[in-house]
Amino acid sequence: MIEKMERIKRELMYRGTILDVYKDTMKFANGKTEEWDFVSHRMGAAAVLPVLPDGRILMVRQYRNALERETLEIPAGCRDSLTEDTKVSAARELEEETGYRSKKISYLLSLRTTVAFCDEFVDVYLAEELEAGEQHLDDSESIDVEAFELEELCQMVYAGKIQDSKTVAAIMAYSNKIK
């Protein structure tokens, strides 16, 4: 049985652009206390799995500082405000990162990326009926757009070549959806 726990103190250690890092003091049922890290992602995020008319899926390749390497991911980004609909965010990120617009965006799934220490959520959408346009990258972004067959992406997930949680979840959910 899970013991009752209580947070008795939360101390802000760092305030960033989109993240706040806290030190929480937790009290257990036996009376002992322990300090835990907590990361608050203030805005939440949206991601999109873009499917071309021929069935290939658009992916973005970009450098990720935390991993010190490039990753292959679905387009994603933070909401512009706490009240922005994540579907609007997903459509914006699709166009900014890939240059494509979608005539049909539908909800695919929601996920919490790292529940052990972070409250970040990502709503993931499926984008179909794509129309090509131009990327609108931020000054700090360098993104390559590549198209892959679904089976190829599934193989990359199982081989550990794609590890980003939102991307893995989106690929697996879509794969299951179209079966």
C-alpha atoms as a PDB file:
ATOM      1  CA  MET A   1       0.000   0.000   0.000  1.00  0.00           C
ATOM      2  CA  ILE A   2       1.248   3.487  -0.855  1.00  0.00           C
ATOM      3  CA  GLU A   3       2.060   5.578   2.185  1.00  0.00           C
ATOM      4  CA  LYS A   4       0.603   9.040   2.644  1.00  0.00           C
ATOM      5  CA  MET A   5       3.047  11.785   1.692  1.00  0.00           C
ATOM      6  CA  GLU A   6       2.917  15.508   2.291  1.00  0.00           C
ATOM      7  CA  ARG A   7       4.888  18.374   0.785  1.00  0.00           C
ATOM      8  CA  ILE A   8       5.755  20.624   3.710  1.00  0.00           C
ATOM      9  CA  LYS A   9       7.887  23.155   1.848  1.00  0.00           C
ATOM     10  CA  ARG A  10       8.535  24.279  -1.726  1.00  0.00           C
ATOM     11  CA  GLU A  11      11.496  26.566  -2.402  1.00  0.00           C
ATOM     12  CA  LEU A  12      12.149  28.179  -5.795  1.00  0.00           C
ATOM     13  CA  MET A  13      15.792  27.518  -6.718  1.00  0.00           C
ATOM     14  CA  TYR A  14      15.820  28.823 -10.296  1.00  0.00           C
ATOM     15  CA  ARG A  15      13.414  30.660 -12.575  1.00  0.00           C
ATOM     16  CA  GLY A  16      14.069  30.185 -16.288  1.00  0.00           C
ATOM     17  CA  THR A  17      12.361  31.214 -19.488  1.00  0.00           C
ATOM     18  CA  ILE A  18       9.883  28.326 -19.481  1.00  0.00           C
ATOM     19  CA  LEU A  19      10.937  26.273 -16.442  1.00  0.00           C
ATOM     20  CA  ASP A  20      11.003  26.793 -12.702  1.00  0.00           C
ATOM     21  CA  VAL A  21      13.154  24.501 -10.552  1.00  0.00           C
ATOM     22  CA  TYR A  22      12.108  23.881  -6.964  1.00  0.00           C
ATOM     23  CA  LYS A  23      13.411  22.026  -3.936  1.00  0.00           C
ATOM     24  CA  ASP A  24      10.486  20.307  -2.235  1.00  0.00           C
ATOM     25  CA  THR A  25      10.661  19.007   1.316  1.00  0.00           C
ATOM     26  CA  MET A  26       8.521  15.886   1.558  1.00  0.00           C
ATOM     27  CA  LYS A  27       7.226  14.266   4.741  1.00  0.00           C
ATOM     28  CA  PHE A  28       6.509  10.540   4.785  1.00  0.00           C
ATOM     29  CA  ALA A  29       3.939   8.658   6.868  1.00  0.00           C
ATOM     30  CA  ASN A  30       6.725   7.523   9.224  1.00  0.00           C
ATOM     31  CA  GLY A  31       7.587  11.185   9.977  1.00  0.00           C
ATOM     32  CA  LYS A  32      10.875  11.256   8.093  1.00  0.00           C
ATOM     33  CA  THR A  33      11.558  14.002   5.557  1.00  0.00           C
ATOM     34  CA  GLU A  34      13.498  14.127   2.313  1.00  0.00           C
ATOM     35  CA  GLU A  35      14.260  16.777  -0.301  1.00  0.00           C
ATOM     36  CA  TRP A  36      13.064  16.164  -3.843  1.00  0.00           C
ATOM     37  CA  ASP A  37      13.646  18.121  -7.036  1.00  0.00           C
ATOM     38  CA  PHE A  38      10.621  19.411  -8.921  1.00  0.00           C
ATOM     39  CA  VAL A  39      10.639  21.090 -12.340  1.00  0.00           C
ATOM     40  CA  SER A  40       7.589  23.094 -13.354  1.00  0.00           C
ATOM     41  CA  HIS A  41       7.057  23.620 -17.068  1.00  0.00           C
ATOM     42  CA  ARG A  42       4.907  26.753 -16.951  1.00  0.00           C
ATOM     43  CA  MET A  43       3.436  26.763 -20.450  1.00  0.00           C
ATOM     44  CA  GLY A  44       2.794  23.213 -21.547  1.00  0.00           C
ATOM     45  CA  ALA A  45       3.466  22.163 -25.104  1.00  0.00           C
ATOM     46  CA  ALA A  46       2.019  20.780 -28.287  1.00  0.00           C
ATOM     47  CA  ALA A  47       3.423  18.436 -30.898  1.00  0.00           C
ATOM     48  CA  VAL A  48       2.261  17.241 -34.273  1.00  0.00           C
ATOM     49  CA  LEU A  49       2.743  14.104 -36.349  1.00  0.00           C
ATOM     50  CA  PRO A  50       2.571  15.359 -39.965  1.00  0.00           C
ATOM     51  CA  VAL A  51       1.547  12.758 -42.551  1.00  0.00           C
ATOM     52  CA  LEU A  52       2.154  13.521 -46.230  1.00  0.00           C
ATOM     53  CA  PRO A  53      -0.434  12.442 -48.851  1.00  0.00           C
ATOM     54  CA  ASP A  54       1.820   9.502 -49.781  1.00  0.00           C
ATOM     55  CA  GLY A  55       1.835   8.283 -46.147  1.00  0.00           C
ATOM     56  CA  ARG A  56       5.359   9.349 -45.255  1.00  0.00           C
ATOM     57  CA  ILE A  57       5.808  11.215 -41.995  1.00  0.00           C
ATOM     58  CA  LEU A  58       7.676  14.502 -41.713  1.00  0.00           C
ATOM     59  CA  MET A  59      10.290  14.622 -38.977  1.00  0.00           C
ATOM     60  CA  VAL A  60      12.609  17.384 -37.830  1.00  0.00           C
ATOM     61  CA  ARG A  61      16.295  16.909 -37.118  1.00  0.00           C
ATOM     62  CA  GLN A  62      17.806  19.390 -34.688  1.00  0.00           C
ATOM     63  CA  TYR A  63      20.560  19.755 -32.106  1.00  0.00           C
ATOM     64  CA  ARG A  64      19.535  19.175 -28.483  1.00  0.00           C
ATOM     65  CA  ASN A  65      21.882  20.676 -25.919  1.00  0.00           C
ATOM     66  CA  ALA A  66      20.829  18.348 -23.084  1.00  0.00           C
ATOM     67  CA  LEU A  67      21.963  15.335 -25.130  1.00  0.00           C
ATOM     68  CA  GLU A  68      24.829  17.095 -26.916  1.00  0.00           C
ATOM     69  CA  ARG A  69      23.700  15.675 -30.264  1.00  0.00           C
ATOM     70  CA  GLU A  70      21.127  15.903 -33.001  1.00  0.00           C
ATOM     71  CA  THR A  71      17.789  14.175 -32.546  1.00  0.00           C
ATOM     72  CA  LEU A  72      15.003  13.134 -34.890  1.00  0.00           C
ATOM     73  CA  GLU A  73      11.630  14.311 -33.566  1.00  0.00           C
ATOM     74  CA  ILE A  74       8.149  15.348 -34.525  1.00  0.00           C
ATOM     75  CA  PRO A  75       7.621  19.139 -34.647  1.00  0.00           C
ATOM     76  CA  ALA A  76       6.763  20.577 -31.239  1.00  0.00           C
ATOM     77  CA  GLY A  77       6.905  23.652 -29.075  1.00  0.00           C
ATOM     78  CA  CYS A  78       5.512  25.542 -26.126  1.00  0.00           C
ATOM     79  CA  ARG A  79       2.199  27.306 -26.082  1.00  0.00           C
ATOM     80  CA  ASP A  80       2.463  31.088 -26.498  1.00  0.00           C
ATOM     81  CA  SER A  81       0.269  31.634 -23.427  1.00  0.00           C
ATOM     82  CA  LEU A  82      -1.360  29.613 -20.672  1.00  0.00           C
ATOM     83  CA  THR A  83      -4.708  29.944 -22.431  1.00  0.00           C
ATOM     84  CA  GLU A  84      -3.598  29.097 -25.971  1.00  0.00           C
ATOM     85  CA  ASP A  85      -5.318  25.993 -27.325  1.00  0.00           C
ATOM     86  CA  THR A  86      -2.670  23.328 -27.929  1.00  0.00           C
ATOM     87  CA  LYS A  87      -4.229  22.608 -31.338  1.00  0.00           C
ATOM     88  CA  VAL A  88      -3.343  26.191 -32.341  1.00  0.00           C
ATOM     89  CA  SER A  89       0.179  25.677 -30.972  1.00  0.00           C
ATOM     90  CA  ALA A  90       0.573  22.439 -32.921  1.00  0.00           C
ATOM     91  CA  ALA A  91      -0.506  24.076 -36.197  1.00  0.00           C
ATOM     92  CA  ARG A  92       1.903  26.965 -35.608  1.00  0.00           C
ATOM     93  CA  GLU A  93       4.840  24.674 -34.798  1.00  0.00           C
ATOM     94  CA  LEU A  94       4.108  22.555 -37.874  1.00  0.00           C
ATOM     95  CA  GLU A  95       4.384  25.585 -40.134  1.00  0.00           C
ATOM     96  CA  GLU A  96       7.329  27.181 -38.319  1.00  0.00           C
ATOM     97  CA  GLU A  97       9.460  24.037 -38.211  1.00  0.00           C
ATOM     98  CA  THR A  98       8.516  22.274 -41.460  1.00  0.00           C
ATOM     99  CA  GLY A  99       6.965  24.941 -43.662  1.00  0.00           C
ATOM    100  CA  TYR A 100       3.828  22.820 -44.085  1.00  0.00           C
ATOM    101  CA  ARG A 101       0.237  23.718 -43.236  1.00  0.00           C
ATOM    102  CA  SER A 102      -2.492  21.208 -42.543  1.00  0.00           C
ATOM    103  CA  LYS A 103      -6.115  21.268 -43.641  1.00  0.00           C
ATOM    104  CA  LYS A 104      -6.925  18.518 -41.129  1.00  0.00           C
ATOM    105  CA  ILE A 105      -5.494  18.483 -37.600  1.00  0.00           C
ATOM    106  CA  SER A 106      -6.954  16.008 -35.113  1.00  0.00           C
ATOM    107  CA  TYR A 107      -6.146  15.053 -31.541  1.00  0.00           C
ATOM    108  CA  LEU A 108      -3.947  11.955 -31.141  1.00  0.00           C
ATOM    109  CA  LEU A 109      -2.922  11.751 -27.454  1.00  0.00           C
ATOM    110  CA  SER A 110      -1.732  13.604 -24.349  1.00  0.00           C
ATOM    111  CA  LEU A 111       1.305  12.727 -22.328  1.00  0.00           C
ATOM    112  CA  ARG A 112       3.362  13.753 -19.346  1.00  0.00           C
ATOM    113  CA  THR A 113       6.992  13.597 -20.360  1.00  0.00           C
ATOM    114  CA  THR A 114       8.811  12.938 -17.069  1.00  0.00           C
ATOM    115  CA  VAL A 115       6.439  12.276 -14.175  1.00  0.00           C
ATOM    116  CA  ALA A 116       9.134  11.543 -11.599  1.00  0.00           C
ATOM    117  CA  PHE A 117      10.217  15.179 -11.317  1.00  0.00           C
ATOM    118  CA  CYS A 118       8.461  17.366 -13.921  1.00  0.00           C
ATOM    119  CA  ASP A 119       4.861  18.418 -14.610  1.00  0.00           C
ATOM    120  CA  GLU A 120       5.315  19.090 -18.346  1.00  0.00           C
ATOM    121  CA  PHE A 121       2.428  18.019 -20.550  1.00  0.00           C
ATOM    122  CA  VAL A 122       2.347  17.677 -24.314  1.00  0.00           C
ATOM    123  CA  ASP A 123      -0.787  17.346 -26.400  1.00  0.00           C
ATOM    124  CA  VAL A 124      -0.012  15.533 -29.646  1.00  0.00           C
ATOM    125  CA  TYR A 125      -1.988  16.022 -32.860  1.00  0.00           C
ATOM    126  CA  LEU A 126      -2.144  14.274 -36.205  1.00  0.00           C
ATOM    127  CA  ALA A 127      -1.781  16.578 -39.228  1.00  0.00           C
ATOM    128  CA  GLU A 128      -3.072  15.378 -42.579  1.00  0.00           C
ATOM    129  CA  GLU A 129      -3.855  16.994 -45.937  1.00  0.00           C
ATOM    130  CA  LEU A 130      -0.565  18.899 -45.839  1.00  0.00           C
ATOM    131  CA  GLU A 131       0.322  21.807 -48.106  1.00  0.00           C
ATOM    132  CA  ALA A 132       3.955  22.839 -48.590  1.00  0.00           C
ATOM    133  CA  GLY A 133       5.096  26.347 -47.746  1.00  0.00           C
ATOM    134  CA  GLU A 134       8.149  27.918 -46.086  1.00  0.00           C
ATOM    135  CA  GLN A 135       9.775  27.334 -42.719  1.00  0.00           C
ATOM    136  CA  HIS A 136       9.632  30.216 -40.244  1.00  0.00           C
ATOM    137  CA  LEU A 137      12.434  29.310 -37.855  1.00  0.00           C
ATOM    138  CA  ASP A 138      13.385  31.328 -34.801  1.00  0.00           C
ATOM    139  CA  ASP A 139      16.845  32.922 -34.948  1.00  0.00           C
ATOM    140  CA  SER A 140      18.164  30.252 -32.573  1.00  0.00           C
ATOM    141  CA  GLU A 141      16.761  27.296 -34.549  1.00  0.00           C
ATOM    142  CA  SER A 142      18.461  25.166 -37.169  1.00  0.00           C
ATOM    143  CA  ILE A 143      16.130  22.397 -38.328  1.00  0.00           C
ATOM    144  CA  ASP A 144      16.287  19.931 -41.203  1.00  0.00           C
ATOM    145  CA  VAL A 145      13.023  18.361 -42.378  1.00  0.00           C
ATOM    146  CA  GLU A 146      13.038  14.732 -43.505  1.00  0.00           C
ATOM    147  CA  ALA A 147      10.291  12.307 -44.578  1.00  0.00           C
ATOM    148  CA  PHE A 148      10.135   8.667 -43.470  1.00  0.00           C
ATOM    149  CA  GLU A 149       7.900   5.642 -43.916  1.00  0.00           C
ATOM    150  CA  LEU A 150       6.031   4.680 -40.739  1.00  0.00           C
ATOM    151  CA  GLU A 151       7.634   1.238 -40.625  1.00  0.00           C
ATOM    152  CA  GLU A 152      11.091   2.827 -40.849  1.00  0.00           C
ATOM    153  CA  LEU A 153      10.271   5.100 -37.897  1.00  0.00           C
ATOM    154  CA  CYS A 154       8.972   2.161 -35.855  1.00  0.00           C
ATOM    155  CA  GLN A 155      12.230   0.306 -36.534  1.00  0.00           C
ATOM    156  CA  MET A 156      14.215   3.375 -35.391  1.00  0.00           C
ATOM    157  CA  VAL A 157      12.184   3.481 -32.160  1.00  0.00           C
ATOM    158  CA  TYR A 158      12.848  -0.207 -31.432  1.00  0.00           C
ATOM    159  CA  ALA A 159      16.541   0.196 -32.320  1.00  0.00           C
ATOM    160  CA  GLY A 160      16.882   3.099 -29.867  1.00  0.00           C
ATOM    161  CA  LYS A 161      17.645   5.611 -32.601  1.00  0.00           C
ATOM    162  CA  ILE A 162      14.541   7.653 -31.709  1.00  0.00           C
ATOM    163  CA  GLN A 163      14.254   8.158 -27.951  1.00  0.00           C
ATOM    164  CA  ASP A 164      12.342  11.412 -27.542  1.00  0.00           C
ATOM    165  CA  SER A 165       9.253  10.497 -25.506  1.00  0.00           C
ATOM    166  CA  LYS A 166       6.690  12.587 -27.393  1.00  0.00           C
ATOM    167  CA  THR A 167       7.988  11.280 -30.707  1.00  0.00           C
ATOM    168  CA  VAL A 168       8.015   7.640 -29.605  1.00  0.00           C
ATOM    169  CA  ALA A 169       4.482   7.963 -28.192  1.00  0.00           C
ATOM    170  CA  ALA A 170       3.192   9.669 -31.341  1.00  0.00           C
ATOM    171  CA  ILE A 171       4.722   7.116 -33.708  1.00  0.00           C
ATOM    172  CA  MET A 172       3.420   4.167 -31.691  1.00  0.00           C
ATOM    173  CA  ALA A 173      -0.058   5.683 -31.275  1.00  0.00           C
ATOM    174  CA  TYR A 174      -0.315   6.464 -34.976  1.00  0.00           C
ATOM    175  CA  SER A 175       0.963   3.009 -35.908  1.00  0.00           C
ATOM    176  CA  ASN A 176      -1.716   1.451 -33.725  1.00  0.00           C
ATOM    177  CA  LYS A 177      -4.407   3.804 -35.006  1.00  0.00           C
ATOM    178  CA  ILE A 178      -3.964   2.938 -38.681  1.00  0.00           C
ATOM    179  CA  LYS A 179      -3.788  -0.851 -38.210  1.00  0.00           C
END
